[in-house]
Amino acid sequence: MPDFHRFYYPGQLKQNETIELDDASAKHVWQVLRMETGDKLQIADGKGNTALGIISVAERHSCEVKLVEVTFAPRKKHLLHLCVAFTKNNSRNEWLLEKATELGATSIIPVVAVRSEKVHFRQERWEKLLESALLQSQQNYLPELTGLMPLADVLKKYCHIENRFVAHCILDKDRVAFYEMLKPSTETVILIGPEGDFRFDEVSLCVSYGYKPVSLGTQRLRTETAAISVCAHFNMVNDGKD
């Protein structure tokens, strides 16, 4: 499909039907892009569907688009579930959400560990950040952003996935380099702890659930940097794969 301006629409995309974009998108179409009736654009629903649309109404607070072609992109086999303890600094959390989306994370799970800081969870704002990053990076699937989830619940939720890892910095516990453990075209879940790291007993609990301890390098990384390092490694290993 040619490269047109791209917009997000959470509803169902059906060929030959007309949809109405939200107020912010309509204003962007009319005021910023100066688009008019008859102009073409792309619509993505974050669920694998992309539509080519033609503007039928373009006004400051209203933009109606007729969908003339809808295509579907199946999910890739490589799925990354990023389980990370958020910080109390929301700007850092938002940077993490944006970049993890751009790098193709399948789901982002804010883990609550013993040393976790208090997080001001902003679901609506953060969902908008994910949508914006989805459009910017030309991806087909919006990551799932769960609510805050205790570590024990995360371990149970993803126990069915074969490739399970826990990253930590405890020197007297065995670890393997994360990049050495990665396999292309596989579903993977990784746990990244808070600024003070996971406690010894938390790592032991993860191991009892089949999580393999991994290292992300010799540098001491901030939580969000560690998360993006994981996403980047995973993305490179799977680049071009189904």
C-alpha atoms as a PDB file:
ATOM      1  CA  MET A   1       0.000   0.000   0.000  1.00  0.00           C
ATOM      2  CA  PRO A   2       1.398   3.478  -0.905  1.00  0.00           C
ATOM      3  CA  ASP A   3       2.713   5.706   1.858  1.00  0.00           C
ATOM      4  CA  PHE A   4      -0.171   7.949   2.969  1.00  0.00           C
ATOM      5  CA  HIS A   5      -0.707   9.792   6.235  1.00  0.00           C
ATOM      6  CA  ARG A   6      -1.710   7.189   8.804  1.00  0.00           C
ATOM      7  CA  PHE A   7      -4.370   7.388  11.534  1.00  0.00           C
ATOM      8  CA  TYR A   8      -5.589   5.111  14.294  1.00  0.00           C
ATOM      9  CA  TYR A   9      -9.174   3.905  14.568  1.00  0.00           C
ATOM     10  CA  PRO A  10     -10.142   1.453  17.349  1.00  0.00           C
ATOM     11  CA  GLY A  11     -13.320   0.191  15.709  1.00  0.00           C
ATOM     12  CA  GLN A  12     -13.911  -2.376  12.975  1.00  0.00           C
ATOM     13  CA  LEU A  13     -12.590  -1.642   9.492  1.00  0.00           C
ATOM     14  CA  LYS A  14     -14.887  -2.861   6.709  1.00  0.00           C
ATOM     15  CA  GLN A  15     -14.454  -2.208   3.013  1.00  0.00           C
ATOM     16  CA  ASN A  16     -16.915   0.300   1.481  1.00  0.00           C
ATOM     17  CA  GLU A  17     -18.070   1.503   4.903  1.00  0.00           C
ATOM     18  CA  THR A  18     -17.587   5.046   6.209  1.00  0.00           C
ATOM     19  CA  ILE A  19     -15.975   5.768   9.584  1.00  0.00           C
ATOM     20  CA  GLU A  20     -15.561   8.971  11.583  1.00  0.00           C
ATOM     21  CA  LEU A  21     -12.180   9.812  13.103  1.00  0.00           C
ATOM     22  CA  ASP A  22     -11.963  11.200  16.628  1.00  0.00           C
ATOM     23  CA  ASP A  23     -11.875  14.934  17.243  1.00  0.00           C
ATOM     24  CA  ALA A  24      -8.084  15.172  17.618  1.00  0.00           C
ATOM     25  CA  SER A  25      -7.484  13.281  14.362  1.00  0.00           C
ATOM     26  CA  ALA A  26     -10.099  15.358  12.539  1.00  0.00           C
ATOM     27  CA  LYS A  27      -8.430  18.560  13.706  1.00  0.00           C
ATOM     28  CA  HIS A  28      -5.022  17.262  12.571  1.00  0.00           C
ATOM     29  CA  VAL A  29      -6.399  16.344   9.139  1.00  0.00           C
ATOM     30  CA  TRP A  30      -8.103  19.721   8.658  1.00  0.00           C
ATOM     31  CA  GLN A  31      -5.834  22.199  10.433  1.00  0.00           C
ATOM     32  CA  VAL A  32      -2.339  20.706  10.287  1.00  0.00           C
ATOM     33  CA  LEU A  33      -2.285  18.594   7.130  1.00  0.00           C
ATOM     34  CA  ARG A  34      -4.773  20.783   5.259  1.00  0.00           C
ATOM     35  CA  MET A  35      -6.351  17.714   3.692  1.00  0.00           C
ATOM     36  CA  GLU A  36      -9.562  17.990   1.739  1.00  0.00           C
ATOM     37  CA  THR A  37     -12.462  15.888   0.482  1.00  0.00           C
ATOM     38  CA  GLY A  38     -11.130  13.291  -1.944  1.00  0.00           C
ATOM     39  CA  ASP A  39      -7.668  13.035  -0.367  1.00  0.00           C
ATOM     40  CA  LYS A  40      -6.434   9.568   0.556  1.00  0.00           C
ATOM     41  CA  LEU A  41      -5.092   8.350   3.889  1.00  0.00           C
ATOM     42  CA  GLN A  42      -4.413   5.128   5.797  1.00  0.00           C
ATOM     43  CA  ILE A  43      -6.310   3.825   8.802  1.00  0.00           C
ATOM     44  CA  ALA A  44      -4.885   1.239  11.237  1.00  0.00           C
ATOM     45  CA  ASP A  45      -6.842  -0.518  13.969  1.00  0.00           C
ATOM     46  CA  GLY A  46      -3.888  -1.969  15.910  1.00  0.00           C
ATOM     47  CA  LYS A  47      -5.257  -5.491  15.389  1.00  0.00           C
ATOM     48  CA  GLY A  48      -3.544  -6.247  12.074  1.00  0.00           C
ATOM     49  CA  ASN A  49      -5.953  -4.442   9.753  1.00  0.00           C
ATOM     50  CA  THR A  50      -4.981  -1.477   7.587  1.00  0.00           C
ATOM     51  CA  ALA A  51      -7.359   0.390   5.319  1.00  0.00           C
ATOM     52  CA  LEU A  52      -6.933   2.790   2.436  1.00  0.00           C
ATOM     53  CA  GLY A  53      -9.520   5.518   2.835  1.00  0.00           C
ATOM     54  CA  ILE A  54     -10.834   8.531   0.941  1.00  0.00           C
ATOM     55  CA  ILE A  55     -11.971  11.587   2.887  1.00  0.00           C
ATOM     56  CA  SER A  56     -15.652  12.318   2.341  1.00  0.00           C
ATOM     57  CA  VAL A  57     -15.955  15.063   4.994  1.00  0.00           C
ATOM     58  CA  ALA A  58     -13.078  17.256   6.205  1.00  0.00           C
ATOM     59  CA  GLU A  59     -13.933  19.850   8.866  1.00  0.00           C
ATOM     60  CA  ARG A  60     -12.290  21.142  12.051  1.00  0.00           C
ATOM     61  CA  HIS A  61     -14.223  18.769  14.323  1.00  0.00           C
ATOM     62  CA  SER A  62     -15.367  16.146  11.839  1.00  0.00           C
ATOM     63  CA  CYS A  63     -13.565  13.851   9.444  1.00  0.00           C
ATOM     64  CA  GLU A  64     -15.407  11.056   7.685  1.00  0.00           C
ATOM     65  CA  VAL A  65     -13.481   8.502   5.664  1.00  0.00           C
ATOM     66  CA  LYS A  66     -14.781   5.908   3.208  1.00  0.00           C
ATOM     67  CA  LEU A  67     -12.742   2.704   3.349  1.00  0.00           C
ATOM     68  CA  VAL A  68     -11.999   1.491  -0.175  1.00  0.00           C
ATOM     69  CA  GLU A  69      -9.508  -1.290   0.581  1.00  0.00           C
ATOM     70  CA  VAL A  70      -8.803  -3.261   3.767  1.00  0.00           C
ATOM     71  CA  THR A  71      -5.797  -5.567   4.181  1.00  0.00           C
ATOM     72  CA  PHE A  72      -4.819  -7.853   7.047  1.00  0.00           C
ATOM     73  CA  ALA A  73      -1.285  -8.653   8.264  1.00  0.00           C
ATOM     74  CA  PRO A  74      -1.055 -11.892  10.309  1.00  0.00           C
ATOM     75  CA  ARG A  75       0.883 -11.743  13.571  1.00  0.00           C
ATOM     76  CA  LYS A  76       4.505 -12.794  13.438  1.00  0.00           C
ATOM     77  CA  LYS A  77       5.646 -15.869  15.355  1.00  0.00           C
ATOM     78  CA  HIS A  78       8.065 -13.833  17.458  1.00  0.00           C
ATOM     79  CA  LEU A  79       6.123 -12.322  20.331  1.00  0.00           C
ATOM     80  CA  LEU A  80       7.773 -10.436  23.188  1.00  0.00           C
ATOM     81  CA  HIS A  81       6.046  -9.992  26.540  1.00  0.00           C
ATOM     82  CA  LEU A  82       7.956  -7.261  28.362  1.00  0.00           C
ATOM     83  CA  CYS A  83       7.378  -7.490  32.121  1.00  0.00           C
ATOM     84  CA  VAL A  84       9.102  -4.525  33.745  1.00  0.00           C
ATOM     85  CA  ALA A  85       8.863  -2.691  37.060  1.00  0.00           C
ATOM     86  CA  PHE A  86       7.953   0.924  36.294  1.00  0.00           C
ATOM     87  CA  THR A  87       9.591   3.828  38.126  1.00  0.00           C
ATOM     88  CA  LYS A  88       7.919   6.700  39.986  1.00  0.00           C
ATOM     89  CA  ASN A  89       9.108   9.028  37.208  1.00  0.00           C
ATOM     90  CA  ASN A  90       6.314   9.040  34.627  1.00  0.00           C
ATOM     91  CA  SER A  91       8.383  10.704  31.910  1.00  0.00           C
ATOM     92  CA  ARG A  92      10.745   7.727  32.008  1.00  0.00           C
ATOM     93  CA  ASN A  93       7.819   5.302  31.972  1.00  0.00           C
ATOM     94  CA  GLU A  94       6.352   7.083  28.962  1.00  0.00           C
ATOM     95  CA  TRP A  95       9.670   6.964  27.113  1.00  0.00           C
ATOM     96  CA  LEU A  96       9.768   3.218  27.769  1.00  0.00           C
ATOM     97  CA  LEU A  97       6.225   2.730  26.462  1.00  0.00           C
ATOM     98  CA  GLU A  98       6.906   4.717  23.298  1.00  0.00           C
ATOM     99  CA  LYS A  99      10.177   2.990  22.416  1.00  0.00           C
ATOM    100  CA  ALA A 100       8.986  -0.518  23.318  1.00  0.00           C
ATOM    101  CA  THR A 101       6.038  -0.007  20.966  1.00  0.00           C
ATOM    102  CA  GLU A 102       8.301   1.212  18.176  1.00  0.00           C
ATOM    103  CA  LEU A 103      10.450  -1.897  18.637  1.00  0.00           C
ATOM    104  CA  GLY A 104       7.452  -4.217  18.396  1.00  0.00           C
ATOM    105  CA  ALA A 105       6.748  -5.416  21.940  1.00  0.00           C
ATOM    106  CA  THR A 106       3.635  -7.606  21.977  1.00  0.00           C
ATOM    107  CA  SER A 107       2.602  -6.737  25.518  1.00  0.00           C
ATOM    108  CA  ILE A 108       3.916  -4.499  28.287  1.00  0.00           C
ATOM    109  CA  ILE A 109       3.257  -5.612  31.848  1.00  0.00           C
ATOM    110  CA  PRO A 110       4.146  -3.242  34.731  1.00  0.00           C
ATOM    111  CA  VAL A 111       5.433  -5.653  37.374  1.00  0.00           C
ATOM    112  CA  VAL A 112       5.134  -4.942  41.091  1.00  0.00           C
ATOM    113  CA  ALA A 113       8.138  -6.281  43.033  1.00  0.00           C
ATOM    114  CA  VAL A 114       9.182  -5.805  46.652  1.00  0.00           C
ATOM    115  CA  ARG A 115      11.447  -2.856  45.806  1.00  0.00           C
ATOM    116  CA  SER A 116       9.065  -1.274  43.291  1.00  0.00           C
ATOM    117  CA  GLU A 117       8.346   2.429  43.590  1.00  0.00           C
ATOM    118  CA  LYS A 118       4.843   3.865  43.725  1.00  0.00           C
ATOM    119  CA  VAL A 119       3.562   4.352  40.174  1.00  0.00           C
ATOM    120  CA  HIS A 120       0.955   6.874  39.088  1.00  0.00           C
ATOM    121  CA  PHE A 121      -0.703   4.682  36.467  1.00  0.00           C
ATOM    122  CA  ARG A 122      -2.210   6.759  33.647  1.00  0.00           C
ATOM    123  CA  GLN A 123      -4.004   4.234  31.466  1.00  0.00           C
ATOM    124  CA  GLU A 124      -5.781   6.621  29.087  1.00  0.00           C
ATOM    125  CA  ARG A 125      -2.752   8.841  28.470  1.00  0.00           C
ATOM    126  CA  TRP A 126      -0.458   5.859  28.047  1.00  0.00           C
ATOM    127  CA  GLU A 127      -2.812   4.160  25.593  1.00  0.00           C
ATOM    128  CA  LYS A 128      -2.634   7.329  23.471  1.00  0.00           C
ATOM    129  CA  LEU A 129       1.173   7.161  23.575  1.00  0.00           C
ATOM    130  CA  LEU A 130       1.051   3.576  22.322  1.00  0.00           C
ATOM    131  CA  GLU A 131      -1.287   4.551  19.487  1.00  0.00           C
ATOM    132  CA  SER A 132       0.997   7.404  18.423  1.00  0.00           C
ATOM    133  CA  ALA A 133       4.080   5.158  18.495  1.00  0.00           C
ATOM    134  CA  LEU A 134       2.198   2.489  16.529  1.00  0.00           C
ATOM    135  CA  LEU A 135       1.446   4.968  13.741  1.00  0.00           C
ATOM    136  CA  GLN A 136       4.932   6.477  13.749  1.00  0.00           C
ATOM    137  CA  SER A 137       6.639   3.090  13.433  1.00  0.00           C
ATOM    138  CA  GLN A 138       4.209   1.799  10.776  1.00  0.00           C
ATOM    139  CA  GLN A 139       3.310  -1.290  12.774  1.00  0.00           C
ATOM    140  CA  ASN A 140       0.151  -3.365  12.567  1.00  0.00           C
ATOM    141  CA  TYR A 141      -0.401  -4.457  16.171  1.00  0.00           C
ATOM    142  CA  LEU A 142      -0.871  -2.292  19.232  1.00  0.00           C
ATOM    143  CA  PRO A 143       0.857  -3.710  22.328  1.00  0.00           C
ATOM    144  CA  GLU A 144      -1.356  -4.838  25.191  1.00  0.00           C
ATOM    145  CA  LEU A 145      -0.746  -2.641  28.234  1.00  0.00           C
ATOM    146  CA  THR A 146      -1.936  -4.376  31.392  1.00  0.00           C
ATOM    147  CA  GLY A 147      -2.523  -2.809  34.763  1.00  0.00           C
ATOM    148  CA  LEU A 148      -0.015  -3.118  37.589  1.00  0.00           C
ATOM    149  CA  MET A 149       0.571  -6.816  38.246  1.00  0.00           C
ATOM    150  CA  PRO A 150       2.283  -8.485  41.237  1.00  0.00           C
ATOM    151  CA  LEU A 151       5.286 -10.629  40.350  1.00  0.00           C
ATOM    152  CA  ALA A 152       3.587 -13.851  41.487  1.00  0.00           C
ATOM    153  CA  ASP A 153       0.656 -13.199  39.134  1.00  0.00           C
ATOM    154  CA  VAL A 154       2.987 -12.547  36.203  1.00  0.00           C
ATOM    155  CA  LEU A 155       4.787 -15.841  36.813  1.00  0.00           C
ATOM    156  CA  LYS A 156       1.482 -17.721  36.717  1.00  0.00           C
ATOM    157  CA  LYS A 157       0.136 -15.816  33.700  1.00  0.00           C
ATOM    158  CA  TYR A 158       3.044 -16.702  31.419  1.00  0.00           C
ATOM    159  CA  CYS A 159       4.003 -20.160  32.698  1.00  0.00           C
ATOM    160  CA  HIS A 160       2.870 -21.716  29.381  1.00  0.00           C
ATOM    161  CA  ILE A 161       5.540 -19.894  27.331  1.00  0.00           C
ATOM    162  CA  GLU A 162       8.673 -21.946  26.709  1.00  0.00           C
ATOM    163  CA  ASN A 163      11.199 -19.094  26.567  1.00  0.00           C
ATOM    164  CA  ARG A 164      11.032 -17.419  29.977  1.00  0.00           C
ATOM    165  CA  PHE A 165      13.804 -15.186  31.341  1.00  0.00           C
ATOM    166  CA  VAL A 166      14.488 -13.069  34.397  1.00  0.00           C
ATOM    167  CA  ALA A 167      17.140 -10.344  34.192  1.00  0.00           C
ATOM    168  CA  HIS A 168      18.917  -9.406  37.407  1.00  0.00           C
ATOM    169  CA  CYS A 169      22.228  -8.048  38.724  1.00  0.00           C
ATOM    170  CA  ILE A 170      22.889 -10.392  41.667  1.00  0.00           C
ATOM    171  CA  LEU A 171      26.546 -11.333  41.219  1.00  0.00           C
ATOM    172  CA  ASP A 172      26.551 -14.610  43.148  1.00  0.00           C
ATOM    173  CA  LYS A 173      23.637 -16.045  41.155  1.00  0.00           C
ATOM    174  CA  ASP A 174      24.396 -17.724  37.827  1.00  0.00           C
ATOM    175  CA  ARG A 175      23.361 -15.809  34.716  1.00  0.00           C
ATOM    176  CA  VAL A 176      23.749 -16.209  30.966  1.00  0.00           C
ATOM    177  CA  ALA A 177      23.971 -13.354  28.476  1.00  0.00           C
ATOM    178  CA  PHE A 178      20.466 -12.603  27.169  1.00  0.00           C
ATOM    179  CA  TYR A 179      21.567 -12.391  23.528  1.00  0.00           C
ATOM    180  CA  GLU A 180      23.000 -15.915  23.719  1.00  0.00           C
ATOM    181  CA  MET A 181      19.623 -17.306  24.797  1.00  0.00           C
ATOM    182  CA  LEU A 182      17.504 -15.682  22.101  1.00  0.00           C
ATOM    183  CA  LYS A 183      15.967 -17.829  19.395  1.00  0.00           C
ATOM    184  CA  PRO A 184      14.319 -16.350  16.288  1.00  0.00           C
ATOM    185  CA  SER A 185      10.613 -16.817  15.579  1.00  0.00           C
ATOM    186  CA  THR A 186       9.690 -17.758  19.145  1.00  0.00           C
ATOM    187  CA  GLU A 187       7.405 -16.357  21.824  1.00  0.00           C
ATOM    188  CA  THR A 188       9.406 -14.922  24.716  1.00  0.00           C
ATOM    189  CA  VAL A 189       8.696 -13.396  28.115  1.00  0.00           C
ATOM    190  CA  ILE A 190      11.268 -11.502  30.156  1.00  0.00           C
ATOM    191  CA  LEU A 191      11.163  -9.998  33.647  1.00  0.00           C
ATOM    192  CA  ILE A 192      13.051  -6.791  34.463  1.00  0.00           C
ATOM    193  CA  GLY A 193      13.112  -5.609  38.057  1.00  0.00           C
ATOM    194  CA  PRO A 194      12.900  -2.188  39.748  1.00  0.00           C
ATOM    195  CA  GLU A 195      15.759   0.278  40.239  1.00  0.00           C
ATOM    196  CA  GLY A 196      16.905  -1.679  43.307  1.00  0.00           C
ATOM    197  CA  ASP A 197      16.699  -4.945  41.329  1.00  0.00           C
ATOM    198  CA  PHE A 198      14.785  -8.082  42.242  1.00  0.00           C
ATOM    199  CA  ARG A 199      15.584  -9.537  45.660  1.00  0.00           C
ATOM    200  CA  PHE A 200      17.367 -12.881  45.965  1.00  0.00           C
ATOM    201  CA  ASP A 201      14.168 -14.648  47.003  1.00  0.00           C
ATOM    202  CA  GLU A 202      12.253 -13.144  44.063  1.00  0.00           C
ATOM    203  CA  VAL A 203      14.830 -14.436  41.581  1.00  0.00           C
ATOM    204  CA  SER A 204      14.666 -17.844  43.254  1.00  0.00           C
ATOM    205  CA  LEU A 205      10.873 -17.788  42.877  1.00  0.00           C
ATOM    206  CA  CYS A 206      11.221 -16.960  39.180  1.00  0.00           C
ATOM    207  CA  VAL A 207      13.667 -19.829  38.719  1.00  0.00           C
ATOM    208  CA  SER A 208      11.233 -22.199  40.428  1.00  0.00           C
ATOM    209  CA  TYR A 209       8.729 -21.251  37.716  1.00  0.00           C
ATOM    210  CA  GLY A 210      11.205 -22.151  34.991  1.00  0.00           C
ATOM    211  CA  TYR A 211      12.582 -18.677  34.291  1.00  0.00           C
ATOM    212  CA  LYS A 212      16.227 -18.676  33.150  1.00  0.00           C
ATOM    213  CA  PRO A 213      18.423 -15.992  34.784  1.00  0.00           C
ATOM    214  CA  VAL A 214      20.058 -13.674  32.244  1.00  0.00           C
ATOM    215  CA  SER A 215      22.439 -10.740  32.175  1.00  0.00           C
ATOM    216  CA  LEU A 216      22.012  -7.658  29.978  1.00  0.00           C
ATOM    217  CA  GLY A 217      25.709  -6.758  30.070  1.00  0.00           C
ATOM    218  CA  THR A 218      28.331  -5.480  32.471  1.00  0.00           C
ATOM    219  CA  GLN A 219      26.948  -1.936  32.627  1.00  0.00           C
ATOM    220  CA  ARG A 220      24.454  -1.023  35.336  1.00  0.00           C
ATOM    221  CA  LEU A 221      21.368   0.033  33.381  1.00  0.00           C
ATOM    222  CA  ARG A 222      18.365   2.058  34.399  1.00  0.00           C
ATOM    223  CA  THR A 223      15.132   0.062  34.349  1.00  0.00           C
ATOM    224  CA  GLU A 224      13.811   1.627  31.145  1.00  0.00           C
ATOM    225  CA  THR A 225      17.209   1.299  29.434  1.00  0.00           C
ATOM    226  CA  ALA A 226      17.312  -2.398  30.294  1.00  0.00           C
ATOM    227  CA  ALA A 227      13.817  -2.829  28.857  1.00  0.00           C
ATOM    228  CA  ILE A 228      14.692  -1.134  25.572  1.00  0.00           C
ATOM    229  CA  SER A 229      17.952  -3.108  25.352  1.00  0.00           C
ATOM    230  CA  VAL A 230      15.872  -6.303  25.527  1.00  0.00           C
ATOM    231  CA  CYS A 231      13.463  -5.052  22.849  1.00  0.00           C
ATOM    232  CA  ALA A 232      16.310  -4.031  20.550  1.00  0.00           C
ATOM    233  CA  HIS A 233      18.082  -7.395  20.861  1.00  0.00           C
ATOM    234  CA  PHE A 234      14.838  -9.268  20.276  1.00  0.00           C
ATOM    235  CA  ASN A 235      13.985  -7.086  17.293  1.00  0.00           C
ATOM    236  CA  MET A 236      17.368  -7.596  15.635  1.00  0.00           C
ATOM    237  CA  VAL A 237      17.288 -11.375  16.069  1.00  0.00           C
ATOM    238  CA  ASN A 238      13.847 -11.495  14.438  1.00  0.00           C
ATOM    239  CA  ASP A 239      14.266  -8.814  11.780  1.00  0.00           C
ATOM    240  CA  GLY A 240      12.757 -10.075   8.543  1.00  0.00           C
ATOM    241  CA  LYS A 241      11.433 -13.271  10.140  1.00  0.00           C
ATOM    242  CA  ASP A 242       7.808 -14.451   9.959  1.00  0.00           C
END
